[in-house]
Protein backbone atom coordinates (compact mmCIF):
# COMPACT_ATOMS: atom_id res chain seq x y z
CA UNK A 1 26.59 -17.94 -17.35
CA UNK A 2 25.46 -21.38 -16.10
CA UNK A 3 27.19 -23.13 -13.85
CA UNK A 4 28.56 -26.69 -13.73
CA UNK A 5 28.35 -27.26 -9.79
CA UNK A 6 25.54 -29.42 -9.01
CA UNK A 7 25.10 -28.35 -5.72
CA UNK A 8 24.23 -25.14 -6.59
CA UNK A 9 20.44 -24.68 -7.17
CA UNK A 10 19.22 -23.85 -10.97
CA UNK A 11 16.59 -20.96 -10.08
CA UNK A 12 15.96 -20.95 -13.93
CA UNK A 13 14.33 -24.53 -13.41
CA UNK A 14 12.44 -24.37 -10.40
CA UNK A 15 8.92 -25.21 -10.13
CA UNK A 16 6.32 -22.42 -9.58
CA UNK A 17 5.29 -24.25 -6.34
CA UNK A 18 8.44 -23.32 -4.56
CA UNK A 19 7.79 -19.51 -5.15
CA UNK A 20 6.23 -18.12 -2.11
CA UNK A 21 2.77 -16.77 -2.83
CA UNK A 22 2.26 -13.33 -1.68
CA UNK A 23 -1.49 -12.54 -1.46
CA UNK A 24 -1.66 -8.64 -1.33
CA UNK A 25 -5.01 -7.22 -0.40
CA UNK A 26 -6.39 -5.18 -3.31
CA UNK A 27 -5.69 -1.28 -2.76
CA UNK A 28 -8.13 0.63 -3.08
CA UNK A 29 -8.61 2.66 -6.13
CA UNK A 30 -10.13 6.08 -4.89
CA UNK A 31 -7.17 7.65 -2.44
CA UNK A 32 -10.19 9.16 0.00
CA UNK A 33 -10.76 5.58 1.41
CA UNK A 34 -9.19 5.53 4.78
CA UNK A 35 -6.00 3.36 4.89
CA UNK A 36 -7.23 1.69 8.12
CA UNK A 37 -10.70 0.30 8.51
CA UNK A 38 -10.75 1.00 12.09
CA UNK A 39 -8.89 4.46 11.72
CA UNK A 40 -11.11 7.50 10.85
CA UNK A 41 -8.39 10.05 9.59
CA UNK A 42 -10.72 13.07 9.95
CA UNK A 43 -10.25 12.56 13.89
CA UNK A 44 -6.59 13.53 13.22
CA UNK A 45 -5.64 16.95 14.34
CA UNK A 46 -3.64 17.93 11.61
CA UNK A 47 -5.87 16.82 9.50
CA UNK A 48 -8.98 18.51 10.37
CA UNK A 49 -7.62 21.81 12.24
CA UNK A 50 -7.22 24.40 9.37
CA UNK A 51 -4.12 25.75 11.52
CA UNK A 52 -1.96 23.04 10.12
CA UNK A 53 -1.43 23.03 6.48
CA UNK A 54 -2.80 19.89 5.89
CA UNK A 55 -6.11 20.62 7.58
CA UNK A 56 -6.35 24.06 5.30
CA UNK A 57 -5.47 21.54 2.17
CA UNK A 58 -8.19 18.96 3.22
CA UNK A 59 -10.89 21.98 2.53
CA UNK A 60 -9.98 22.82 -0.71
CA UNK A 61 -9.98 19.09 -2.04
CA UNK A 62 -11.21 18.78 -5.42
CA UNK A 63 -9.94 22.13 -6.83
CA UNK A 64 -7.27 22.81 -9.43
CA UNK A 65 -3.80 23.72 -7.71
CA UNK A 66 -0.38 24.68 -8.56
CA UNK A 67 1.97 23.36 -5.86
CA UNK A 68 5.68 24.74 -5.59
CA UNK A 69 7.57 22.18 -4.27
CA UNK A 70 11.34 23.07 -2.88
CA UNK A 71 13.59 19.95 -4.23
CA UNK A 72 17.08 20.48 -2.16
CA UNK A 73 18.01 24.01 -1.13
CA UNK A 74 17.47 26.23 -4.36
CA UNK A 75 15.33 24.18 -6.97
CA UNK A 76 11.77 24.71 -7.46
CA UNK A 77 9.72 22.08 -8.93
CA UNK A 78 5.74 23.07 -9.88
CA UNK A 79 2.72 20.60 -10.35
CA UNK A 80 -0.32 21.24 -11.46
CA UNK A 81 -3.50 19.31 -10.83
CA UNK A 82 -6.93 18.72 -9.23
CA UNK A 83 -6.18 18.13 -5.67
CA UNK A 84 -7.57 14.42 -4.65
CA UNK A 85 -6.06 13.88 -1.28
CA UNK A 86 -4.18 14.82 1.41
CA UNK A 87 -2.66 12.74 3.92
CA UNK A 88 -0.64 13.41 7.02
CA UNK A 89 2.71 13.73 4.92
CA UNK A 90 1.64 13.76 1.21
CA UNK A 91 -0.42 15.56 -1.03
CA UNK A 92 -2.15 13.76 -4.26
CA UNK A 93 -2.58 15.67 -7.37
CA UNK A 94 -4.60 14.32 -10.78
CA UNK A 95 -2.63 15.71 -13.56
CA UNK A 96 -5.03 17.21 -16.59
CA UNK A 97 -3.14 16.44 -19.51
CA UNK A 98 -2.65 12.58 -18.53
CA UNK A 99 -5.23 11.89 -15.44
CA UNK A 100 -2.25 10.33 -13.76
CA UNK A 101 -1.67 10.61 -10.05
CA UNK A 102 1.29 12.66 -8.85
CA UNK A 103 2.09 12.15 -4.77
CA UNK A 104 3.99 14.98 -3.23
CA UNK A 105 5.94 15.38 0.01
CA UNK A 106 3.77 17.65 2.06
CA UNK A 107 7.04 18.76 3.79
CA UNK A 108 8.71 19.77 0.62
CA UNK A 109 5.77 22.49 -0.12
CA UNK A 110 6.28 25.78 0.23
CA UNK A 111 3.35 27.80 -2.07
CA UNK A 112 -0.07 26.28 -3.17
CA UNK A 113 -1.98 28.55 -5.78
CA UNK A 114 -5.74 27.72 -6.10
CA UNK A 115 -6.40 28.20 -9.63
CA UNK A 116 -9.86 29.48 -10.52
């Protein structure tokens, strides 16, 4: 487990000052906040035009939905929850049982049922 070679660094005893300091910006807790400060997501045609699935789903944000995802060639998985956000290639659901967020691939969606 330990090397007797004194030319090799011992990473277990390295001081923290040698470790890189990554300062990550705080990530937004609200998924409706635009990702880029100078980019207005509403200007993207796929997000505002109802002819695209993203645009249609943007109009039902806040609704409780069940989405069927096609995984592979013949496996369907359904997810239920409140639709929180729609991006160019993803959707965000908030599960009712746990309040967890589920992010799904938009291009795997086959059916969306709005539950009333």
